[in-house]
Amino acid sequence: MRTKTMTVRIGEMLGPVDPSYDPTQHNWGPNKGGCNPETTACGFARILELAADPDGWVYCPSGFTSFPVVRVGMYDGWPFWRPTPAIGYIGPLNSVEWAFFYELSAHNTRKGSPSRWGQPRDV
């Protein structure tokens, strides 16, 4: 008889955004990849704005369709597996998907209702 033990990691929202979080740890640097420092600074400021007033935001990751934001806080799921500022939004498969702070900007997050390609949206 063979037996097998598996460890399954499941990310979870751990609480509100920690304003003392150091976003520069995600910046690119010598001998390591990462994000553009301007992107991390802009994204961290944006997630703090969402956290201050979390109701009524939508996220538009593709430029074509926007999705309602349902969670704002510290998420410890893939790829970091440690608490990182993120938003949860209802994606195209009607389940919560995650976007980390460095993906956020004034161009892809706004107050308003979700829209689909070809449908009017409030601006």
PDB file of N, CA and C in Angstrom:
ATOM      1  N   MET A   1       0.854  -1.184   0.000  1.00  0.00           N
ATOM      2  CA  MET A   1       0.000   0.000   0.000  1.00  0.00           C
ATOM      3  C   MET A   1       0.892   1.237   0.000  1.00  0.00           C
ATOM      4  N   ARG A   2       0.502   2.212  -0.786  1.00  0.00           N
ATOM      5  CA  ARG A   2       1.221   3.480  -0.828  1.00  0.00           C
ATOM      6  C   ARG A   2       0.353   4.548  -0.192  1.00  0.00           C
ATOM      7  N   THR A   3       0.989   5.448   0.519  1.00  0.00           N
ATOM      8  CA  THR A   3       0.282   6.599   1.073  1.00  0.00           C
ATOM      9  C   THR A   3       0.981   7.860   0.595  1.00  0.00           C
ATOM     10  N   LYS A   4       0.257   8.945   0.655  1.00  0.00           N
ATOM     11  CA  LYS A   4       0.810  10.206   0.154  1.00  0.00           C
ATOM     12  C   LYS A   4       0.299  11.338   1.032  1.00  0.00           C
ATOM     13  N   THR A   5       1.198  12.199   1.453  1.00  0.00           N
ATOM     14  CA  THR A   5       0.822  13.385   2.205  1.00  0.00           C
ATOM     15  C   THR A   5       1.104  14.598   1.331  1.00  0.00           C
ATOM     16  N   MET A   6       0.127  15.475   1.259  1.00  0.00           N
ATOM     17  CA  MET A   6       0.294  16.673   0.435  1.00  0.00           C
ATOM     18  C   MET A   6       0.113  17.913   1.291  1.00  0.00           C
ATOM     19  N   THR A   7       0.907  18.925   0.986  1.00  0.00           N
ATOM     20  CA  THR A   7       0.724  20.233   1.587  1.00  0.00           C
ATOM     21  C   THR A   7       0.157  21.141   0.508  1.00  0.00           C
ATOM     22  N   VAL A   8      -0.965  21.744   0.802  1.00  0.00           N
ATOM     23  CA  VAL A   8      -1.604  22.639  -0.160  1.00  0.00           C
ATOM     24  C   VAL A   8      -1.622  24.032   0.452  1.00  0.00           C
ATOM     25  N   ARG A   9      -1.053  24.984  -0.266  1.00  0.00           N
ATOM     26  CA  ARG A   9      -1.066  26.362   0.197  1.00  0.00           C
ATOM     27  C   ARG A   9      -2.300  27.057  -0.342  1.00  0.00           C
ATOM     28  N   ILE A  10      -3.008  27.735   0.539  1.00  0.00           N
ATOM     29  CA  ILE A  10      -4.196  28.484   0.142  1.00  0.00           C
ATOM     30  C   ILE A  10      -4.045  29.892   0.706  1.00  0.00           C
ATOM     31  N   GLY A  11      -3.963  30.873  -0.162  1.00  0.00           N
ATOM     32  CA  GLY A  11      -3.824  32.251   0.290  1.00  0.00           C
ATOM     33  C   GLY A  11      -5.102  32.755   0.924  1.00  0.00           C
ATOM     34  N   GLU A  12      -4.952  33.705   1.838  1.00  0.00           N
ATOM     35  CA  GLU A  12      -6.124  34.289   2.479  1.00  0.00           C
ATOM     36  C   GLU A  12      -5.879  35.759   2.793  1.00  0.00           C
ATOM     37  N   MET A  13      -6.966  36.496   2.891  1.00  0.00           N
ATOM     38  CA  MET A  13      -6.903  37.901   3.267  1.00  0.00           C
ATOM     39  C   MET A  13      -6.697  37.957   4.777  1.00  0.00           C
ATOM     40  N   LEU A  14      -5.658  38.677   5.216  1.00  0.00           N
ATOM     41  CA  LEU A  14      -5.293  38.677   6.625  1.00  0.00           C
ATOM     42  C   LEU A  14      -5.738  39.912   7.386  1.00  0.00           C
ATOM     43  N   GLY A  15      -6.221  40.922   6.708  1.00  0.00           N
ATOM     44  CA  GLY A  15      -6.657  42.123   7.401  1.00  0.00           C
ATOM     45  C   GLY A  15      -6.437  43.350   6.540  1.00  0.00           C
ATOM     46  N   PRO A  16      -6.583  44.523   7.146  1.00  0.00           N
ATOM     47  CA  PRO A  16      -6.453  45.765   6.377  1.00  0.00           C
ATOM     48  C   PRO A  16      -5.018  45.986   5.887  1.00  0.00           C
ATOM     49  N   VAL A  17      -4.886  46.878   4.923  1.00  0.00           N
ATOM     50  CA  VAL A  17      -3.565  47.222   4.386  1.00  0.00           C
ATOM     51  C   VAL A  17      -2.716  47.822   5.501  1.00  0.00           C
ATOM     52  N   ASP A  18      -1.502  47.343   5.605  1.00  0.00           N
ATOM     53  CA  ASP A  18      -0.556  47.842   6.601  1.00  0.00           C
ATOM     54  C   ASP A  18       0.156  49.062   6.007  1.00  0.00           C
ATOM     55  N   PRO A  19      -0.115  50.284   6.517  1.00  0.00           N
ATOM     56  CA  PRO A  19       0.510  51.470   5.935  1.00  0.00           C
ATOM     57  C   PRO A  19       2.022  51.510   6.134  1.00  0.00           C
ATOM     58  N   SER A  20       2.558  50.685   7.043  1.00  0.00           N
ATOM     59  CA  SER A  20       4.004  50.657   7.255  1.00  0.00           C
ATOM     60  C   SER A  20       4.698  49.627   6.357  1.00  0.00           C
ATOM     61  N   TYR A  21       3.936  48.968   5.483  1.00  0.00           N
ATOM     62  CA  TYR A  21       4.511  47.997   4.550  1.00  0.00           C
ATOM     63  C   TYR A  21       5.545  48.695   3.676  1.00  0.00           C
ATOM     64  N   ASP A  22       6.666  48.043   3.406  1.00  0.00           N
ATOM     65  CA  ASP A  22       7.734  48.626   2.595  1.00  0.00           C
ATOM     66  C   ASP A  22       7.579  48.193   1.137  1.00  0.00           C
ATOM     67  N   PRO A  23       6.963  49.027   0.286  1.00  0.00           N
ATOM     68  CA  PRO A  23       6.759  48.621  -1.105  1.00  0.00           C
ATOM     69  C   PRO A  23       8.055  48.546  -1.908  1.00  0.00           C
ATOM     70  N   THR A  24       9.123  49.174  -1.413  1.00  0.00           N
ATOM     71  CA  THR A  24      10.381  49.182  -2.173  1.00  0.00           C
ATOM     72  C   THR A  24      11.017  47.800  -2.245  1.00  0.00           C
ATOM     73  N   GLN A  25      10.590  46.853  -1.427  1.00  0.00           N
ATOM     74  CA  GLN A  25      11.153  45.501  -1.495  1.00  0.00           C
ATOM     75  C   GLN A  25      10.807  44.814  -2.820  1.00  0.00           C
ATOM     76  N   HIS A  26       9.842  45.359  -3.554  1.00  0.00           N
ATOM     77  CA  HIS A  26       9.455  44.791  -4.843  1.00  0.00           C
ATOM     78  C   HIS A  26      10.148  45.499  -6.013  1.00  0.00           C
ATOM     79  N   ASN A  27      10.927  46.544  -5.729  1.00  0.00           N
ATOM     80  CA  ASN A  27      11.602  47.289  -6.795  1.00  0.00           C
ATOM     81  C   ASN A  27      12.714  46.469  -7.421  1.00  0.00           C
ATOM     82  N   TRP A  28      12.941  46.732  -8.711  1.00  0.00           N
ATOM     83  CA  TRP A  28      14.078  46.075  -9.339  1.00  0.00           C
ATOM     84  C   TRP A  28      15.365  46.643  -8.775  1.00  0.00           C
ATOM     85  N   GLY A  29      16.441  45.914  -8.925  1.00  0.00           N
ATOM     86  CA  GLY A  29      17.722  46.373  -8.411  1.00  0.00           C
ATOM     87  C   GLY A  29      18.842  45.547  -9.012  1.00  0.00           C
ATOM     88  N   PRO A  30      20.060  45.816  -8.573  1.00  0.00           N
ATOM     89  CA  PRO A  30      21.197  45.043  -9.090  1.00  0.00           C
ATOM     90  C   PRO A  30      21.023  43.555  -8.781  1.00  0.00           C
ATOM     91  N   ASN A  31      21.201  42.747  -9.788  1.00  0.00           N
ATOM     92  CA  ASN A  31      21.154  41.287  -9.653  1.00  0.00           C
ATOM     93  C   ASN A  31      19.802  40.742  -9.199  1.00  0.00           C
ATOM     94  N   LYS A  32      18.725  41.491  -9.406  1.00  0.00           N
ATOM     95  CA  LYS A  32      17.404  40.946  -9.096  1.00  0.00           C
ATOM     96  C   LYS A  32      16.358  41.630  -9.965  1.00  0.00           C
ATOM     97  N   GLY A  33      15.346  40.886 -10.279  1.00  0.00           N
ATOM     98  CA  GLY A  33      14.228  41.442 -11.034  1.00  0.00           C
ATOM     99  C   GLY A  33      13.308  42.196 -10.093  1.00  0.00           C
ATOM    100  N   GLY A  34      12.186  42.617 -10.597  1.00  0.00           N
ATOM    101  CA  GLY A  34      11.232  43.319  -9.755  1.00  0.00           C
ATOM    102  C   GLY A  34      10.412  44.290 -10.566  1.00  0.00           C
ATOM    103  N   CYS A  35       9.843  45.238  -9.872  1.00  0.00           N
ATOM    104  CA  CYS A  35       8.957  46.224 -10.490  1.00  0.00           C
ATOM    105  C   CYS A  35       9.661  47.574 -10.609  1.00  0.00           C
ATOM    106  N   ASN A  36       9.185  48.351 -11.552  1.00  0.00           N
ATOM    107  CA  ASN A  36       9.658  49.720 -11.706  1.00  0.00           C
ATOM    108  C   ASN A  36       9.366  50.472 -10.402  1.00  0.00           C
ATOM    109  N   PRO A  37      10.347  51.162  -9.820  1.00  0.00           N
ATOM    110  CA  PRO A  37      10.116  51.887  -8.564  1.00  0.00           C
ATOM    111  C   PRO A  37       8.975  52.903  -8.640  1.00  0.00           C
ATOM    112  N   GLU A  38       8.768  53.525  -9.796  1.00  0.00           N
ATOM    113  CA  GLU A  38       7.656  54.459  -9.936  1.00  0.00           C
ATOM    114  C   GLU A  38       6.314  53.729  -9.853  1.00  0.00           C
ATOM    115  N   THR A  39       6.263  52.512 -10.381  1.00  0.00           N
ATOM    116  CA  THR A  39       5.047  51.711 -10.334  1.00  0.00           C
ATOM    117  C   THR A  39       4.709  51.305  -8.905  1.00  0.00           C
ATOM    118  N   THR A  40       5.716  50.897  -8.147  1.00  0.00           N
ATOM    119  CA  THR A  40       5.428  50.480  -6.769  1.00  0.00           C
ATOM    120  C   THR A  40       4.979  51.668  -5.922  1.00  0.00           C
ATOM    121  N   ALA A  41       5.590  52.821  -6.114  1.00  0.00           N
ATOM    122  CA  ALA A  41       5.193  54.013  -5.350  1.00  0.00           C
ATOM    123  C   ALA A  41       3.768  54.429  -5.698  1.00  0.00           C
ATOM    124  N   CYS A  42       3.456  54.477  -6.984  1.00  0.00           N
ATOM    125  CA  CYS A  42       2.113  54.856  -7.443  1.00  0.00           C
ATOM    126  C   CYS A  42       1.084  53.833  -6.968  1.00  0.00           C
ATOM    127  N   GLY A  43       1.389  52.549  -7.115  1.00  0.00           N
ATOM    128  CA  GLY A  43       0.457  51.497  -6.723  1.00  0.00           C
ATOM    129  C   GLY A  43       0.196  51.470  -5.228  1.00  0.00           C
ATOM    130  N   PHE A  44       1.243  51.717  -4.431  1.00  0.00           N
ATOM    131  CA  PHE A  44       1.052  51.705  -2.976  1.00  0.00           C
ATOM    132  C   PHE A  44       0.185  52.887  -2.550  1.00  0.00           C
ATOM    133  N   ALA A  45       0.405  54.039  -3.150  1.00  0.00           N
ATOM    134  CA  ALA A  45      -0.444  55.199  -2.847  1.00  0.00           C
ATOM    135  C   ALA A  45      -1.889  54.907  -3.251  1.00  0.00           C
ATOM    136  N   ARG A  46      -2.071  54.213  -4.369  1.00  0.00           N
ATOM    137  CA  ARG A  46      -3.425  53.917  -4.850  1.00  0.00           C
ATOM    138  C   ARG A  46      -4.135  52.913  -3.939  1.00  0.00           C
ATOM    139  N   ILE A  47      -3.420  51.895  -3.468  1.00  0.00           N
ATOM    140  CA  ILE A  47      -4.092  50.926  -2.604  1.00  0.00           C
ATOM    141  C   ILE A  47      -4.424  51.533  -1.247  1.00  0.00           C
ATOM    142  N   LEU A  48      -3.623  52.477  -0.781  1.00  0.00           N
ATOM    143  CA  LEU A  48      -3.969  53.179   0.454  1.00  0.00           C
ATOM    144  C   LEU A  48      -5.240  54.002   0.258  1.00  0.00           C
ATOM    145  N   GLU A  49      -5.399  54.574  -0.932  1.00  0.00           N
ATOM    146  CA  GLU A  49      -6.619  55.322  -1.260  1.00  0.00           C
ATOM    147  C   GLU A  49      -7.836  54.387  -1.292  1.00  0.00           C
ATOM    148  N   LEU A  50      -7.681  53.217  -1.886  1.00  0.00           N
ATOM    149  CA  LEU A  50      -8.772  52.245  -1.912  1.00  0.00           C
ATOM    150  C   LEU A  50      -9.096  51.763  -0.504  1.00  0.00           C
ATOM    151  N   ALA A  51      -8.080  51.548   0.313  1.00  0.00           N
ATOM    152  CA  ALA A  51      -8.299  51.055   1.673  1.00  0.00           C
ATOM    153  C   ALA A  51      -9.022  52.082   2.535  1.00  0.00           C
ATOM    154  N   ALA A  52      -8.782  53.368   2.284  1.00  0.00           N
ATOM    155  CA  ALA A  52      -9.425  54.424   3.073  1.00  0.00           C
ATOM    156  C   ALA A  52     -10.927  54.498   2.801  1.00  0.00           C
ATOM    157  N   ASP A  53     -11.327  54.157   1.588  1.00  0.00           N
ATOM    158  CA  ASP A  53     -12.741  54.194   1.199  1.00  0.00           C
ATOM    159  C   ASP A  53     -12.996  53.021   0.249  1.00  0.00           C
ATOM    160  N   PRO A  54     -13.156  51.798   0.776  1.00  0.00           N
ATOM    161  CA  PRO A  54     -13.149  50.605  -0.074  1.00  0.00           C
ATOM    162  C   PRO A  54     -14.418  50.337  -0.883  1.00  0.00           C
ATOM    163  N   ASP A  55     -15.497  51.044  -0.642  1.00  0.00           N
ATOM    164  CA  ASP A  55     -16.752  50.734  -1.331  1.00  0.00           C
ATOM    165  C   ASP A  55     -16.844  51.418  -2.694  1.00  0.00           C
ATOM    166  N   GLY A  56     -17.369  50.671  -3.675  1.00  0.00           N
ATOM    167  CA  GLY A  56     -17.699  51.258  -4.969  1.00  0.00           C
ATOM    168  C   GLY A  56     -16.572  51.322  -5.976  1.00  0.00           C
ATOM    169  N   TRP A  57     -15.466  50.627  -5.753  1.00  0.00           N
ATOM    170  CA  TRP A  57     -14.349  50.657  -6.706  1.00  0.00           C
ATOM    171  C   TRP A  57     -14.497  49.541  -7.734  1.00  0.00           C
ATOM    172  N   VAL A  58     -13.987  49.796  -8.924  1.00  0.00           N
ATOM    173  CA  VAL A  58     -13.875  48.757  -9.944  1.00  0.00           C
ATOM    174  C   VAL A  58     -12.435  48.724 -10.434  1.00  0.00           C
ATOM    175  N   TYR A  59     -12.030  47.551 -10.903  1.00  0.00           N
ATOM    176  CA  TYR A  59     -10.671  47.324 -11.403  1.00  0.00           C
ATOM    177  C   TYR A  59     -10.782  46.877 -12.852  1.00  0.00           C
ATOM    178  N   CYS A  60      -9.994  47.485 -13.716  1.00  0.00           N
ATOM    179  CA  CYS A  60     -10.026  47.178 -15.148  1.00  0.00           C
ATOM    180  C   CYS A  60      -8.641  46.707 -15.580  1.00  0.00           C
ATOM    181  N   PRO A  61      -8.338  45.417 -15.423  1.00  0.00           N
ATOM    182  CA  PRO A  61      -6.989  44.944 -15.719  1.00  0.00           C
ATOM    183  C   PRO A  61      -6.630  44.926 -17.196  1.00  0.00           C
ATOM    184  N   SER A  62      -7.623  44.839 -18.085  1.00  0.00           N
ATOM    185  CA  SER A  62      -7.327  44.662 -19.503  1.00  0.00           C
ATOM    186  C   SER A  62      -7.564  45.901 -20.345  1.00  0.00           C
ATOM    187  N   GLY A  63      -8.324  46.845 -19.847  1.00  0.00           N
ATOM    188  CA  GLY A  63      -8.691  47.997 -20.654  1.00  0.00           C
ATOM    189  C   GLY A  63     -10.029  47.810 -21.345  1.00  0.00           C
ATOM    190  N   PHE A  64     -10.581  46.603 -21.329  1.00  0.00           N
ATOM    191  CA  PHE A  64     -11.840  46.327 -22.005  1.00  0.00           C
ATOM    192  C   PHE A  64     -13.004  46.124 -21.045  1.00  0.00           C
ATOM    193  N   THR A  65     -12.743  45.502 -19.910  1.00  0.00           N
ATOM    194  CA  THR A  65     -13.795  45.120 -18.984  1.00  0.00           C
ATOM    195  C   THR A  65     -13.376  45.496 -17.577  1.00  0.00           C
ATOM    196  N   SER A  66     -14.302  45.993 -16.786  1.00  0.00           N
ATOM    197  CA  SER A  66     -13.985  46.310 -15.393  1.00  0.00           C
ATOM    198  C   SER A  66     -14.771  45.396 -14.472  1.00  0.00           C
ATOM    199  N   PHE A  67     -14.194  45.136 -13.305  1.00  0.00           N
ATOM    200  CA  PHE A  67     -14.756  44.194 -12.355  1.00  0.00           C
ATOM    201  C   PHE A  67     -14.864  44.848 -10.984  1.00  0.00           C
ATOM    202  N   PRO A  68     -15.890  44.505 -10.196  1.00  0.00           N
ATOM    203  CA  PRO A  68     -16.039  45.112  -8.872  1.00  0.00           C
ATOM    204  C   PRO A  68     -14.963  44.634  -7.898  1.00  0.00           C
ATOM    205  N   VAL A  69     -14.418  45.572  -7.150  1.00  0.00           N
ATOM    206  CA  VAL A  69     -13.446  45.250  -6.102  1.00  0.00           C
ATOM    207  C   VAL A  69     -14.247  44.863  -4.857  1.00  0.00           C
ATOM    208  N   VAL A  70     -13.936  43.688  -4.300  1.00  0.00           N
ATOM    209  CA  VAL A  70     -14.684  43.200  -3.135  1.00  0.00           C
ATOM    210  C   VAL A  70     -13.824  43.104  -1.875  1.00  0.00           C
ATOM    211  N   ARG A  71     -12.504  43.126  -2.013  1.00  0.00           N
ATOM    212  CA  ARG A  71     -11.614  43.050  -0.850  1.00  0.00           C
ATOM    213  C   ARG A  71     -10.415  43.970  -1.066  1.00  0.00           C
ATOM    214  N   VAL A  72      -9.970  44.593   0.007  1.00  0.00           N
ATOM    215  CA  VAL A  72      -8.748  45.403  -0.011  1.00  0.00           C
ATOM    216  C   VAL A  72      -8.018  45.082   1.287  1.00  0.00           C
ATOM    217  N   GLY A  73      -6.786  44.623   1.196  1.00  0.00           N
ATOM    218  CA  GLY A  73      -6.057  44.295   2.416  1.00  0.00           C
ATOM    219  C   GLY A  73      -4.750  43.577   2.149  1.00  0.00           C
ATOM    220  N   MET A  74      -4.292  42.836   3.156  1.00  0.00           N
ATOM    221  CA  MET A  74      -3.028  42.107   3.079  1.00  0.00           C
ATOM    222  C   MET A  74      -3.339  40.646   2.732  1.00  0.00           C
ATOM    223  N   TYR A  75      -2.903  40.228   1.534  1.00  0.00           N
ATOM    224  CA  TYR A  75      -3.153  38.879   1.030  1.00  0.00           C
ATOM    225  C   TYR A  75      -1.855  38.087   1.066  1.00  0.00           C
ATOM    226  N   ASP A  76      -1.912  36.845   1.553  1.00  0.00           N
ATOM    227  CA  ASP A  76      -0.685  36.063   1.693  1.00  0.00           C
ATOM    228  C   ASP A  76      -0.606  34.891   0.717  1.00  0.00           C
ATOM    229  N   GLY A  77      -1.185  35.034  -0.457  1.00  0.00           N
ATOM    230  CA  GLY A  77      -1.182  33.948  -1.434  1.00  0.00           C
ATOM    231  C   GLY A  77      -0.047  34.038  -2.437  1.00  0.00           C
ATOM    232  N   TRP A  78      -0.187  33.213  -3.472  1.00  0.00           N
ATOM    233  CA  TRP A  78       0.806  33.135  -4.530  1.00  0.00           C
ATOM    234  C   TRP A  78       0.972  34.496  -5.204  1.00  0.00           C
ATOM    235  N   PRO A  79       2.131  34.963  -5.574  1.00  0.00           N
ATOM    236  CA  PRO A  79       3.409  34.258  -5.614  1.00  0.00           C
ATOM    237  C   PRO A  79       4.318  34.525  -4.411  1.00  0.00           C
ATOM    238  N   PHE A  80       3.884  35.342  -3.484  1.00  0.00           N
ATOM    239  CA  PHE A  80       4.794  35.748  -2.402  1.00  0.00           C
ATOM    240  C   PHE A  80       4.683  34.875  -1.158  1.00  0.00           C
ATOM    241  N   TRP A  81       3.492  34.385  -0.864  1.00  0.00           N
ATOM    242  CA  TRP A  81       3.230  33.558   0.318  1.00  0.00           C
ATOM    243  C   TRP A  81       3.612  34.268   1.605  1.00  0.00           C
ATOM    244  N   ARG A  82       3.472  35.574   1.598  1.00  0.00           N
ATOM    245  CA  ARG A  82       3.610  36.397   2.808  1.00  0.00           C
ATOM    246  C   ARG A  82       2.674  37.594   2.617  1.00  0.00           C
ATOM    247  N   PRO A  83       2.219  38.206   3.695  1.00  0.00           N
ATOM    248  CA  PRO A  83       1.249  39.300   3.555  1.00  0.00           C
ATOM    249  C   PRO A  83       1.753  40.429   2.655  1.00  0.00           C
ATOM    250  N   THR A  84       0.978  40.713   1.617  1.00  0.00           N
ATOM    251  CA  THR A  84       1.313  41.736   0.627  1.00  0.00           C
ATOM    252  C   THR A  84       0.032  42.500   0.298  1.00  0.00           C
ATOM    253  N   PRO A  85       0.080  43.836   0.208  1.00  0.00           N
ATOM    254  CA  PRO A  85      -1.133  44.601  -0.117  1.00  0.00           C
ATOM    255  C   PRO A  85      -1.725  44.185  -1.464  1.00  0.00           C
ATOM    256  N   ALA A  86      -3.026  43.919  -1.459  1.00  0.00           N
ATOM    257  CA  ALA A  86      -3.691  43.448  -2.678  1.00  0.00           C
ATOM    258  C   ALA A  86      -5.175  43.795  -2.634  1.00  0.00           C
ATOM    259  N   ILE A  87      -5.788  43.713  -3.820  1.00  0.00           N
ATOM    260  CA  ILE A  87      -7.243  43.819  -3.903  1.00  0.00           C
ATOM    261  C   ILE A  87      -7.777  42.484  -4.410  1.00  0.00           C
ATOM    262  N   GLY A  88      -8.987  42.159  -4.006  1.00  0.00           N
ATOM    263  CA  GLY A  88      -9.703  41.024  -4.557  1.00  0.00           C
ATOM    264  C   GLY A  88     -10.845  41.569  -5.390  1.00  0.00           C
ATOM    265  N   TYR A  89     -10.990  41.051  -6.594  1.00  0.00           N
ATOM    266  CA  TYR A  89     -12.075  41.506  -7.459  1.00  0.00           C
ATOM    267  C   TYR A  89     -12.777  40.290  -8.058  1.00  0.00           C
ATOM    268  N   ILE A  90     -14.041  40.466  -8.396  1.00  0.00           N
ATOM    269  CA  ILE A  90     -14.791  39.382  -9.026  1.00  0.00           C
ATOM    270  C   ILE A  90     -14.416  39.371 -10.500  1.00  0.00           C
ATOM    271  N   GLY A  91     -13.661  38.359 -10.901  1.00  0.00           N
ATOM    272  CA  GLY A  91     -13.147  38.278 -12.257  1.00  0.00           C
ATOM    273  C   GLY A  91     -14.114  37.637 -13.240  1.00  0.00           C
ATOM    274  N   PRO A  92     -13.631  37.339 -14.438  1.00  0.00           N
ATOM    275  CA  PRO A  92     -14.496  36.822 -15.494  1.00  0.00           C
ATOM    276  C   PRO A  92     -15.077  35.440 -15.197  1.00  0.00           C
ATOM    277  N   LEU A  93     -14.464  34.677 -14.301  1.00  0.00           N
ATOM    278  CA  LEU A  93     -14.993  33.364 -13.948  1.00  0.00           C
ATOM    279  C   LEU A  93     -15.925  33.434 -12.743  1.00  0.00           C
ATOM    280  N   ASN A  94     -16.304  34.664 -12.367  1.00  0.00           N
ATOM    281  CA  ASN A  94     -17.222  34.925 -11.263  1.00  0.00           C
ATOM    282  C   ASN A  94     -16.679  34.425  -9.919  1.00  0.00           C
ATOM    283  N   SER A  95     -15.366  34.494  -9.769  1.00  0.00           N
ATOM    284  CA  SER A  95     -14.725  34.147  -8.505  1.00  0.00           C
ATOM    285  C   SER A  95     -13.737  35.264  -8.161  1.00  0.00           C
ATOM    286  N   VAL A  96     -13.277  35.280  -6.915  1.00  0.00           N
ATOM    287  CA  VAL A  96     -12.348  36.331  -6.492  1.00  0.00           C
ATOM    288  C   VAL A  96     -10.970  36.068  -7.091  1.00  0.00           C
ATOM    289  N   GLU A  97     -10.435  37.074  -7.767  1.00  0.00           N
ATOM    290  CA  GLU A  97      -9.076  37.046  -8.277  1.00  0.00           C
ATOM    291  C   GLU A  97      -8.320  38.170  -7.578  1.00  0.00           C
ATOM    292  N   TRP A  98      -7.001  38.070  -7.548  1.00  0.00           N
ATOM    293  CA  TRP A  98      -6.183  39.001  -6.769  1.00  0.00           C
ATOM    294  C   TRP A  98      -5.286  39.833  -7.661  1.00  0.00           C
ATOM    295  N   ALA A  99      -5.142  41.084  -7.320  1.00  0.00           N
ATOM    296  CA  ALA A  99      -4.203  41.997  -7.984  1.00  0.00           C
ATOM    297  C   ALA A  99      -3.397  42.677  -6.885  1.00  0.00           C
ATOM    298  N   PHE A 100      -2.084  42.628  -6.993  1.00  0.00           N
ATOM    299  CA  PHE A 100      -1.225  43.234  -5.982  1.00  0.00           C
ATOM    300  C   PHE A 100      -1.073  44.728  -6.231  1.00  0.00           C
ATOM    301  N   PHE A 101      -0.672  45.436  -5.203  1.00  0.00           N
ATOM    302  CA  PHE A 101      -0.650  46.902  -5.214  1.00  0.00           C
ATOM    303  C   PHE A 101       0.110  47.472  -6.394  1.00  0.00           C
ATOM    304  N   TYR A 102       1.203  46.831  -6.826  1.00  0.00           N
ATOM    305  CA  TYR A 102       2.024  47.391  -7.901  1.00  0.00           C
ATOM    306  C   TYR A 102       1.331  47.310  -9.261  1.00  0.00           C
ATOM    307  N   GLU A 103       0.192  46.628  -9.333  1.00  0.00           N
ATOM    308  CA  GLU A 103      -0.592  46.558 -10.569  1.00  0.00           C
ATOM    309  C   GLU A 103      -1.640  47.666 -10.649  1.00  0.00           C
ATOM    310  N   LEU A 104      -1.800  48.448  -9.591  1.00  0.00           N
ATOM    311  CA  LEU A 104      -2.875  49.437  -9.511  1.00  0.00           C
ATOM    312  C   LEU A 104      -2.399  50.823  -9.919  1.00  0.00           C
ATOM    313  N   SER A 105      -3.286  51.565 -10.553  1.00  0.00           N
ATOM    314  CA  SER A 105      -3.005  52.954 -10.923  1.00  0.00           C
ATOM    315  C   SER A 105      -4.338  53.680 -11.100  1.00  0.00           C
ATOM    316  N   ALA A 106      -4.260  54.971 -11.352  1.00  0.00           N
ATOM    317  CA  ALA A 106      -5.470  55.751 -11.617  1.00  0.00           C
ATOM    318  C   ALA A 106      -6.089  55.351 -12.954  1.00  0.00           C
ATOM    319  N   HIS A 107      -5.316  54.680 -13.806  1.00  0.00           N
ATOM    320  CA  HIS A 107      -5.817  54.284 -15.122  1.00  0.00           C
ATOM    321  C   HIS A 107      -6.647  53.004 -15.081  1.00  0.00           C
ATOM    322  N   ASN A 108      -6.426  52.154 -14.068  1.00  0.00           N
ATOM    323  CA  ASN A 108      -7.156  50.890 -14.055  1.00  0.00           C
ATOM    324  C   ASN A 108      -8.030  50.677 -12.814  1.00  0.00           C
ATOM    325  N   THR A 109      -8.131  51.669 -11.954  1.00  0.00           N
ATOM    326  CA  THR A 109      -9.050  51.614 -10.821  1.00  0.00           C
ATOM    327  C   THR A 109      -9.848  52.910 -10.792  1.00  0.00           C
ATOM    328  N   ARG A 110     -11.123  52.788 -10.504  1.00  0.00           N
ATOM    329  CA  ARG A 110     -11.969  53.976 -10.443  1.00  0.00           C
ATOM    330  C   ARG A 110     -13.196  53.663  -9.612  1.00  0.00           C
ATOM    331  N   LYS A 111     -13.857  54.712  -9.158  1.00  0.00           N
ATOM    332  CA  LYS A 111     -15.162  54.574  -8.522  1.00  0.00           C
ATOM    333  C   LYS A 111     -16.198  54.436  -9.628  1.00  0.00           C
ATOM    334  N   GLY A 112     -17.174  53.581  -9.437  1.00  0.00           N
ATOM    335  CA  GLY A 112     -18.222  53.447 -10.436  1.00  0.00           C
ATOM    336  C   GLY A 112     -18.735  52.040 -10.508  1.00  0.00           C
ATOM    337  N   SER A 113     -19.509  51.760 -11.537  1.00  0.00           N
ATOM    338  CA  SER A 113     -20.066  50.425 -11.703  1.00  0.00           C
ATOM    339  C   SER A 113     -19.272  49.668 -12.764  1.00  0.00           C
ATOM    340  N   PRO A 114     -19.241  48.340 -12.649  1.00  0.00           N
ATOM    341  CA  PRO A 114     -18.519  47.531 -13.632  1.00  0.00           C
ATOM    342  C   PRO A 114     -19.122  47.678 -15.020  1.00  0.00           C
ATOM    343  N   SER A 115     -18.301  47.480 -16.030  1.00  0.00           N
ATOM    344  CA  SER A 115     -18.783  47.552 -17.407  1.00  0.00           C
ATOM    345  C   SER A 115     -18.195  46.407 -18.204  1.00  0.00           C
ATOM    346  N   ARG A 116     -18.841  46.080 -19.283  1.00  0.00           N
ATOM    347  CA  ARG A 116     -18.341  45.068 -20.216  1.00  0.00           C
ATOM    348  C   ARG A 116     -18.066  45.761 -21.539  1.00  0.00           C
ATOM    349  N   TRP A 117     -17.251  45.136 -22.358  1.00  0.00           N
ATOM    350  CA  TRP A 117     -16.908  45.703 -23.650  1.00  0.00           C
ATOM    351  C   TRP A 117     -18.181  46.041 -24.427  1.00  0.00           C
ATOM    352  N   GLY A 118     -18.261  47.274 -24.882  1.00  0.00           N
ATOM    353  CA  GLY A 118     -19.401  47.694 -25.675  1.00  0.00           C
ATOM    354  C   GLY A 118     -20.558  48.259 -24.862  1.00  0.00           C
ATOM    355  N   GLN A 119     -20.456  48.205 -23.545  1.00  0.00           N
ATOM    356  CA  GLN A 119     -21.520  48.759 -22.714  1.00  0.00           C
ATOM    357  C   GLN A 119     -21.074  50.093 -22.161  1.00  0.00           C
ATOM    358  N   PRO A 120     -21.997  51.025 -21.967  1.00  0.00           N
ATOM    359  CA  PRO A 120     -21.626  52.315 -21.381  1.00  0.00           C
ATOM    360  C   PRO A 120     -21.203  52.141 -19.919  1.00  0.00           C
ATOM    361  N   ARG A 121     -20.365  53.021 -19.466  1.00  0.00           N
ATOM    362  CA  ARG A 121     -19.939  53.009 -18.066  1.00  0.00           C
ATOM    363  C   ARG A 121     -19.999  54.416 -17.520  1.00  0.00           C
ATOM    364  N   ASP A 122     -20.142  54.537 -16.214  1.00  0.00           N
ATOM    365  CA  ASP A 122     -20.105  55.877 -15.618  1.00  0.00           C
ATOM    366  C   ASP A 122     -18.649  56.272 -15.444  1.00  0.00           C
ATOM    367  N   VAL A 123     -18.387  57.526 -15.677  1.00  0.00           N
ATOM    368  CA  VAL A 123     -17.004  58.014 -15.602  1.00  0.00           C
ATOM    369  C   VAL A 123     -16.828  58.863 -14.376  1.00  0.00           C
TER     370      VAL A 123
END
